[in-house]
């Protein structure tokens, strides 16, 4: 009886670990394919540049 219980626990934990691993890999594959399908062109977005202005925050 203890051998059957031990085998059942080990098998259940193993199946849980394998199914979680497969689920995470599936999510990563789905997200990776979505980003590869729609590449973002670098030229389409305006480049953000810090420009000094004449408006000073100080009270002088």
Protein backbone atom coordinates (compact mmCIF):
# COMPACT_ATOMS: atom_id res chain seq x y z
CA UNK A 1 0.00 0.00 0.00
CA UNK A 2 2.70 2.61 0.82
CA UNK A 3 4.45 1.81 -2.47
CA UNK A 4 1.27 2.45 -4.46
CA UNK A 5 0.66 5.72 -2.60
CA UNK A 6 4.25 6.87 -3.15
CA UNK A 7 4.08 6.02 -6.85
CA UNK A 8 0.77 7.88 -7.19
CA UNK A 9 2.17 11.01 -5.53
CA UNK A 10 5.35 10.96 -7.63
CA UNK A 11 3.37 10.40 -10.83
CA UNK A 12 0.91 13.21 -10.01
CA UNK A 13 3.67 15.70 -9.22
CA UNK A 14 5.56 14.70 -12.36
CA UNK A 15 2.49 15.14 -14.55
CA UNK A 16 1.84 18.54 -12.97
CA UNK A 17 5.40 19.73 -13.57
CA UNK A 18 5.38 18.54 -17.18
CA UNK A 19 1.98 20.13 -17.90
CA UNK A 20 3.11 23.46 -16.39
CA UNK A 21 6.29 23.34 -18.48
CA UNK A 22 4.30 22.66 -21.65
CA UNK A 23 1.85 25.48 -20.81
CA UNK A 24 4.65 28.02 -20.29
CA UNK A 25 6.37 26.98 -23.52
CA UNK A 26 3.07 27.28 -25.37
CA UNK A 27 2.49 30.79 -24.04
CA UNK A 28 6.02 31.84 -24.96
CA UNK A 29 5.64 30.40 -28.46
CA UNK A 30 2.31 32.19 -28.95
CA UNK A 31 3.75 35.53 -27.84
CA UNK A 32 6.86 35.06 -29.94
CA UNK A 33 4.88 34.34 -33.08
CA UNK A 34 2.63 37.35 -32.53
CA UNK A 35 5.59 39.70 -32.35
CA UNK A 36 7.21 38.13 -35.42
CA UNK A 37 4.03 38.51 -37.48
CA UNK A 38 3.80 42.26 -36.92
CA UNK A 39 7.27 43.78 -36.82
CA UNK A 40 7.35 47.39 -35.72
CA UNK A 41 9.17 49.60 -38.19
CA UNK A 42 11.72 51.80 -36.47
CA UNK A 43 11.24 54.70 -38.91
CA UNK A 44 7.47 54.95 -38.34
CA UNK A 45 7.82 56.15 -34.74
CA UNK A 46 9.15 59.64 -34.09
CA UNK A 47 12.34 59.71 -32.09
CA UNK A 48 12.06 61.37 -28.69
CA UNK A 49 14.73 64.01 -28.14
CA UNK A 50 15.28 66.18 -25.09
CA UNK A 51 15.43 69.82 -26.18
CA UNK A 52 16.39 72.61 -23.81
CA UNK A 53 13.72 75.30 -23.51
CA UNK A 54 13.71 78.87 -22.26
CA UNK A 55 11.21 78.07 -19.51
CA UNK A 56 13.11 77.72 -16.26
CA UNK A 57 11.46 76.20 -13.23
CA UNK A 58 13.42 78.35 -10.78
CA UNK A 59 12.01 81.51 -9.23
CA UNK A 60 14.95 83.74 -10.25
